[in-house]
Amino acid sequence: MKPFNEKISNLLILFVACILGVTVNSLCIALSTDVLVLILTGSFDLKKAGIFKTIKNGCVIGTFTGVVFVIARLFKLKRF
């Protein structure tokens, strides 16, 4: 059996990785759609407010995903 500190640190790493992964993924999606709009129309419309909104949405969705993964690991559900 793993020590308590190691188990908590693994869960914390999983939680932070979920948040960062979803945030980076949403930023990449926003950038790729803006590049496609640039190619099609010729105007690049990526503003700082849009980037912050995308980061905020990614953090919220990543937090929910991370909480679900951590709870699934705590309850020892299969395939988590």
N, C-alpha and C. Protein backbone atom coordinates (compact mmCIF):
# COMPACT_ATOMS: atom_id res chain seq x y z
N MET A 1 0.84 -1.18 0.00
CA MET A 1 0.00 0.00 0.00
C MET A 1 0.89 1.24 0.00
N LYS A 2 0.47 2.23 -0.76
CA LYS A 2 1.25 3.46 -0.87
C LYS A 2 1.07 4.31 0.38
N PRO A 3 2.11 5.06 0.73
CA PRO A 3 1.95 6.01 1.84
C PRO A 3 0.95 7.10 1.47
N PHE A 4 0.38 7.70 2.50
CA PHE A 4 -0.67 8.71 2.30
C PHE A 4 -0.16 9.90 1.50
N ASN A 5 1.05 10.38 1.79
CA ASN A 5 1.58 11.56 1.10
C ASN A 5 1.80 11.29 -0.38
N GLU A 6 2.26 10.09 -0.70
CA GLU A 6 2.49 9.75 -2.10
C GLU A 6 1.16 9.66 -2.86
N LYS A 7 0.14 9.12 -2.22
CA LYS A 7 -1.16 9.00 -2.86
C LYS A 7 -1.77 10.38 -3.11
N ILE A 8 -1.67 11.26 -2.12
CA ILE A 8 -2.20 12.62 -2.28
C ILE A 8 -1.43 13.39 -3.34
N SER A 9 -0.11 13.24 -3.38
CA SER A 9 0.67 13.95 -4.38
C SER A 9 0.36 13.44 -5.79
N ASN A 10 0.12 12.13 -5.94
CA ASN A 10 -0.27 11.60 -7.25
C ASN A 10 -1.62 12.15 -7.69
N LEU A 11 -2.55 12.25 -6.76
CA LEU A 11 -3.86 12.81 -7.09
C LEU A 11 -3.76 14.29 -7.43
N LEU A 12 -2.90 15.03 -6.73
CA LEU A 12 -2.71 16.44 -7.03
C LEU A 12 -2.08 16.64 -8.40
N ILE A 13 -1.12 15.80 -8.73
CA ILE A 13 -0.50 15.87 -10.06
C ILE A 13 -1.52 15.57 -11.14
N LEU A 14 -2.37 14.58 -10.92
CA LEU A 14 -3.43 14.25 -11.88
C LEU A 14 -4.39 15.42 -12.05
N PHE A 15 -4.76 16.06 -10.96
CA PHE A 15 -5.68 17.19 -10.99
C PHE A 15 -5.09 18.36 -11.78
N VAL A 16 -3.85 18.71 -11.49
CA VAL A 16 -3.19 19.83 -12.17
C VAL A 16 -2.98 19.50 -13.64
N ALA A 17 -2.65 18.25 -13.94
CA ALA A 17 -2.46 17.85 -15.34
C ALA A 17 -3.75 17.95 -16.13
N CYS A 18 -4.87 17.63 -15.50
CA CYS A 18 -6.17 17.77 -16.17
C CYS A 18 -6.46 19.23 -16.48
N ILE A 19 -6.22 20.09 -15.52
CA ILE A 19 -6.48 21.52 -15.74
C ILE A 19 -5.58 22.06 -16.85
N LEU A 20 -4.30 21.77 -16.78
CA LEU A 20 -3.38 22.28 -17.79
C LEU A 20 -3.65 21.69 -19.17
N GLY A 21 -3.98 20.42 -19.21
CA GLY A 21 -4.25 19.77 -20.49
C GLY A 21 -5.46 20.35 -21.19
N VAL A 22 -6.53 20.53 -20.46
CA VAL A 22 -7.75 21.08 -21.07
C VAL A 22 -7.54 22.54 -21.45
N THR A 23 -6.81 23.29 -20.65
CA THR A 23 -6.56 24.70 -20.96
C THR A 23 -5.71 24.84 -22.22
N VAL A 24 -4.65 24.07 -22.31
CA VAL A 24 -3.79 24.14 -23.51
C VAL A 24 -4.56 23.67 -24.73
N ASN A 25 -5.38 22.63 -24.57
CA ASN A 25 -6.19 22.15 -25.68
C ASN A 25 -7.16 23.21 -26.17
N SER A 26 -7.82 23.91 -25.28
CA SER A 26 -8.77 24.94 -25.69
C SER A 26 -8.05 26.13 -26.33
N LEU A 27 -6.86 26.45 -25.84
CA LEU A 27 -6.08 27.51 -26.49
C LEU A 27 -5.66 27.12 -27.91
N CYS A 28 -5.27 25.88 -28.09
CA CYS A 28 -4.90 25.41 -29.43
C CYS A 28 -6.09 25.42 -30.38
N ILE A 29 -7.25 25.05 -29.89
CA ILE A 29 -8.45 25.09 -30.72
C ILE A 29 -8.79 26.52 -31.12
N ALA A 30 -8.70 27.45 -30.16
CA ALA A 30 -9.00 28.86 -30.46
C ALA A 30 -8.00 29.42 -31.48
N LEU A 31 -6.74 29.08 -31.32
CA LEU A 31 -5.73 29.57 -32.26
C LEU A 31 -5.91 28.97 -33.64
N SER A 32 -6.22 27.68 -33.70
CA SER A 32 -6.38 27.04 -35.01
C SER A 32 -7.61 27.57 -35.75
N THR A 33 -8.69 27.84 -35.03
CA THR A 33 -9.86 28.41 -35.71
C THR A 33 -9.57 29.84 -36.18
N ASP A 34 -8.81 30.60 -35.41
CA ASP A 34 -8.46 31.95 -35.87
C ASP A 34 -7.52 31.91 -37.06
N VAL A 35 -6.65 30.92 -37.12
CA VAL A 35 -5.77 30.78 -38.29
C VAL A 35 -6.60 30.40 -39.51
N LEU A 36 -7.59 29.52 -39.34
CA LEU A 36 -8.47 29.18 -40.46
C LEU A 36 -9.26 30.39 -40.94
N VAL A 37 -9.73 31.21 -40.02
CA VAL A 37 -10.43 32.44 -40.40
C VAL A 37 -9.47 33.38 -41.13
N LEU A 38 -8.22 33.44 -40.69
CA LEU A 38 -7.22 34.26 -41.37
C LEU A 38 -6.99 33.78 -42.79
N ILE A 39 -6.92 32.48 -42.97
CA ILE A 39 -6.70 31.93 -44.31
C ILE A 39 -7.90 32.19 -45.21
N LEU A 40 -9.10 32.06 -44.67
CA LEU A 40 -10.30 32.20 -45.49
C LEU A 40 -10.67 33.66 -45.76
N THR A 41 -10.58 34.51 -44.75
CA THR A 41 -11.05 35.89 -44.93
C THR A 41 -9.93 36.92 -45.02
N GLY A 42 -8.77 36.61 -44.48
CA GLY A 42 -7.67 37.55 -44.53
C GLY A 42 -7.59 38.47 -43.32
N SER A 43 -8.43 38.25 -42.31
CA SER A 43 -8.37 39.09 -41.12
C SER A 43 -8.12 38.22 -39.89
N PHE A 44 -7.17 38.64 -39.08
CA PHE A 44 -6.83 37.90 -37.86
C PHE A 44 -7.46 38.61 -36.69
N ASP A 45 -8.41 37.95 -36.03
CA ASP A 45 -9.21 38.62 -35.00
C ASP A 45 -9.05 37.91 -33.65
N LEU A 46 -7.83 37.78 -33.19
CA LEU A 46 -7.58 37.16 -31.89
C LEU A 46 -7.21 38.27 -30.90
N LYS A 47 -8.10 38.52 -29.96
CA LYS A 47 -7.89 39.59 -29.00
C LYS A 47 -7.52 39.02 -27.63
N LYS A 48 -6.95 39.89 -26.79
CA LYS A 48 -6.54 39.48 -25.46
C LYS A 48 -7.73 39.03 -24.62
N ALA A 49 -8.86 39.67 -24.77
CA ALA A 49 -10.06 39.28 -24.02
C ALA A 49 -10.52 37.89 -24.42
N GLY A 50 -10.42 37.57 -25.69
CA GLY A 50 -10.79 36.24 -26.16
C GLY A 50 -9.86 35.17 -25.62
N ILE A 51 -8.58 35.49 -25.52
CA ILE A 51 -7.61 34.55 -24.98
C ILE A 51 -7.89 34.29 -23.50
N PHE A 52 -8.16 35.35 -22.75
CA PHE A 52 -8.46 35.18 -21.32
C PHE A 52 -9.76 34.40 -21.09
N LYS A 53 -10.75 34.63 -21.94
CA LYS A 53 -12.01 33.90 -21.85
C LYS A 53 -11.78 32.41 -22.14
N THR A 54 -10.96 32.12 -23.13
CA THR A 54 -10.64 30.73 -23.45
C THR A 54 -9.87 30.06 -22.32
N ILE A 55 -8.94 30.78 -21.71
CA ILE A 55 -8.19 30.23 -20.57
C ILE A 55 -9.13 29.97 -19.40
N LYS A 56 -10.03 30.89 -19.13
CA LYS A 56 -10.98 30.72 -18.03
C LYS A 56 -11.88 29.51 -18.27
N ASN A 57 -12.41 29.39 -19.49
CA ASN A 57 -13.26 28.24 -19.81
C ASN A 57 -12.48 26.93 -19.71
N GLY A 58 -11.25 26.93 -20.17
CA GLY A 58 -10.43 25.73 -20.08
C GLY A 58 -10.13 25.34 -18.64
N CYS A 59 -9.90 26.33 -17.79
CA CYS A 59 -9.64 26.04 -16.38
C CYS A 59 -10.88 25.49 -15.68
N VAL A 60 -12.04 26.02 -16.00
CA VAL A 60 -13.28 25.53 -15.38
C VAL A 60 -13.57 24.10 -15.82
N ILE A 61 -13.49 23.84 -17.12
CA ILE A 61 -13.75 22.49 -17.62
C ILE A 61 -12.69 21.52 -17.11
N GLY A 62 -11.43 21.96 -17.07
CA GLY A 62 -10.35 21.13 -16.54
C GLY A 62 -10.52 20.82 -15.06
N THR A 63 -11.05 21.77 -14.32
CA THR A 63 -11.30 21.53 -12.90
C THR A 63 -12.37 20.46 -12.70
N PHE A 64 -13.45 20.56 -13.46
CA PHE A 64 -14.49 19.53 -13.37
C PHE A 64 -13.94 18.16 -13.76
N THR A 65 -13.17 18.11 -14.84
CA THR A 65 -12.58 16.85 -15.28
C THR A 65 -11.63 16.30 -14.23
N GLY A 66 -10.80 17.16 -13.68
CA GLY A 66 -9.85 16.73 -12.65
C GLY A 66 -10.53 16.21 -11.41
N VAL A 67 -11.61 16.87 -10.99
CA VAL A 67 -12.35 16.40 -9.82
C VAL A 67 -12.95 15.02 -10.07
N VAL A 68 -13.49 14.81 -11.26
CA VAL A 68 -14.06 13.50 -11.59
C VAL A 68 -12.98 12.43 -11.58
N PHE A 69 -11.81 12.72 -12.16
CA PHE A 69 -10.73 11.74 -12.18
C PHE A 69 -10.23 11.44 -10.77
N VAL A 70 -10.10 12.46 -9.94
CA VAL A 70 -9.61 12.25 -8.57
C VAL A 70 -10.61 11.43 -7.77
N ILE A 71 -11.89 11.75 -7.89
CA ILE A 71 -12.90 10.97 -7.18
C ILE A 71 -12.92 9.53 -7.67
N ALA A 72 -12.77 9.34 -8.97
CA ALA A 72 -12.74 7.98 -9.51
C ALA A 72 -11.53 7.20 -8.98
N ARG A 73 -10.41 7.87 -8.86
CA ARG A 73 -9.22 7.20 -8.30
C ARG A 73 -9.40 6.90 -6.82
N LEU A 74 -10.02 7.79 -6.08
CA LEU A 74 -10.22 7.57 -4.66
C LEU A 74 -11.17 6.39 -4.41
N PHE A 75 -12.20 6.26 -5.25
CA PHE A 75 -13.13 5.15 -5.10
C PHE A 75 -12.66 3.88 -5.81
N LYS A 76 -11.47 3.95 -6.44
CA LYS A 76 -10.85 2.81 -7.12
C LYS A 76 -11.74 2.21 -8.19
N LEU A 77 -12.31 3.08 -9.00
CA LEU A 77 -13.11 2.61 -10.12
C LEU A 77 -12.21 2.03 -11.19
N LYS A 78 -12.69 1.08 -11.93
CA LYS A 78 -11.89 0.44 -12.96
C LYS A 78 -11.62 1.42 -14.10
N ARG A 79 -10.47 1.26 -14.73
CA ARG A 79 -10.02 2.03 -15.89
C ARG A 79 -9.79 3.50 -15.58
N PHE A 80 -9.57 3.87 -14.35
CA PHE A 80 -9.19 5.23 -13.99
C PHE A 80 -7.87 5.14 -13.30
